[in-house]
Amino acid sequence: MKPDLYLTVLDPATADFKESAQTYLDRADAVLLHAAENSTGPAWERVSLKPVVNRPTFAIRPPDYVTPEVVEFVRARLSSSPQ
């Protein structure tokens, strides 16, 4: 099964990076990236972000996980996908 749209949510401050998330990272249409205030870099070990380096990335901050930019991206992608 292949979804019409797949957004992955990444939090560089959280060391736990699920194996399933890593496995399907290359299928993400866009990345929702937790914007850290005082980030010193990702806490992940042995995780490559190469599969999403050229994907649209949207900064998110709690509690506003769904920004107007994300809504517009989703709306545009879903309106262009075959029914």
Protein backbone atom coordinates (compact mmCIF):
# COMPACT_ATOMS: atom_id res chain seq x y z
CA MET A 1 0.00 0.00 0.00
CA LYS A 2 1.33 3.43 -0.94
CA PRO A 3 -0.18 6.55 0.61
CA ASP A 4 -1.04 9.57 -1.55
CA LEU A 5 1.07 11.69 0.77
CA TYR A 6 3.60 10.87 3.48
CA LEU A 7 4.92 13.47 5.90
CA THR A 8 7.59 12.47 8.36
CA VAL A 9 8.00 14.29 11.67
CA LEU A 10 11.57 14.54 12.96
CA ASP A 11 12.74 15.86 16.30
CA PRO A 12 16.53 16.24 16.41
CA ALA A 13 16.44 16.59 20.20
CA THR A 14 15.00 13.09 20.63
CA ALA A 15 17.67 10.41 20.45
CA ASP A 16 15.17 7.61 19.72
CA PHE A 17 14.83 7.24 15.94
CA LYS A 18 12.57 4.31 15.19
CA GLU A 19 13.91 1.73 12.77
CA SER A 20 10.65 1.83 10.80
CA ALA A 21 10.98 5.60 10.41
CA GLN A 22 14.50 5.15 9.05
CA THR A 23 13.35 2.40 6.70
CA TYR A 24 10.66 4.54 5.07
CA LEU A 25 12.42 7.90 5.22
CA ASP A 26 13.11 7.82 1.49
CA ARG A 27 9.36 7.71 0.82
CA ALA A 28 8.58 10.96 2.64
CA ASP A 29 7.14 13.72 0.49
CA ALA A 30 8.11 16.34 3.07
CA VAL A 31 9.69 16.69 6.50
CA LEU A 32 8.10 18.37 9.51
CA LEU A 33 11.10 19.33 11.60
CA HIS A 34 10.83 20.30 15.25
CA ALA A 35 12.64 23.62 15.50
CA ALA A 36 14.89 23.51 18.54
CA GLU A 37 15.72 26.69 20.43
CA ASN A 38 19.23 25.67 21.51
CA SER A 39 20.16 22.80 19.26
CA THR A 40 23.69 21.43 19.20
CA GLY A 41 22.84 19.06 16.36
CA PRO A 42 20.79 15.88 16.06
CA ALA A 43 20.83 13.49 19.00
CA TRP A 44 20.48 10.55 16.60
CA GLU A 45 23.22 8.02 16.11
CA ARG A 46 23.79 6.19 12.81
CA VAL A 47 20.91 7.98 11.06
CA SER A 48 21.36 9.33 7.56
CA LEU A 49 19.10 12.13 6.38
CA LYS A 50 20.33 11.80 2.79
CA PRO A 51 16.97 10.35 1.64
CA VAL A 52 15.19 13.62 2.50
CA VAL A 53 17.90 16.20 1.81
CA ASN A 54 16.03 17.64 -1.19
CA ARG A 55 12.51 17.27 0.19
CA PRO A 56 10.43 20.24 1.34
CA THR A 57 11.05 20.87 5.03
CA PHE A 58 8.72 22.76 7.34
CA ALA A 59 9.75 23.98 10.78
CA ILE A 60 7.21 23.24 13.47
CA ARG A 61 7.00 24.33 17.10
CA PRO A 62 4.57 23.04 19.70
CA PRO A 63 1.67 23.55 19.96
CA ASP A 64 1.40 24.66 16.30
CA TYR A 65 2.33 21.45 14.55
CA VAL A 66 0.19 22.24 11.54
CA THR A 67 1.30 25.53 10.05
CA PRO A 68 -0.38 27.35 7.15
CA GLU A 69 2.58 26.31 4.97
CA VAL A 70 2.04 22.65 5.80
CA VAL A 71 -1.69 22.96 5.08
CA GLU A 72 -0.97 24.55 1.69
CA PHE A 73 1.58 21.86 0.82
CA VAL A 74 -0.85 19.08 1.70
CA ARG A 75 -3.72 20.77 -0.14
CA ALA A 76 -1.61 21.22 -3.30
CA ARG A 77 -0.29 17.65 -3.22
CA LEU A 78 -3.69 16.06 -2.64
CA SER A 79 -5.40 18.15 -5.31
CA SER A 80 -2.81 17.02 -7.87
CA SER A 81 -2.88 13.31 -6.97
CA PRO A 82 -4.97 10.95 -9.13
CA GLN A 83 -8.30 9.96 -7.63
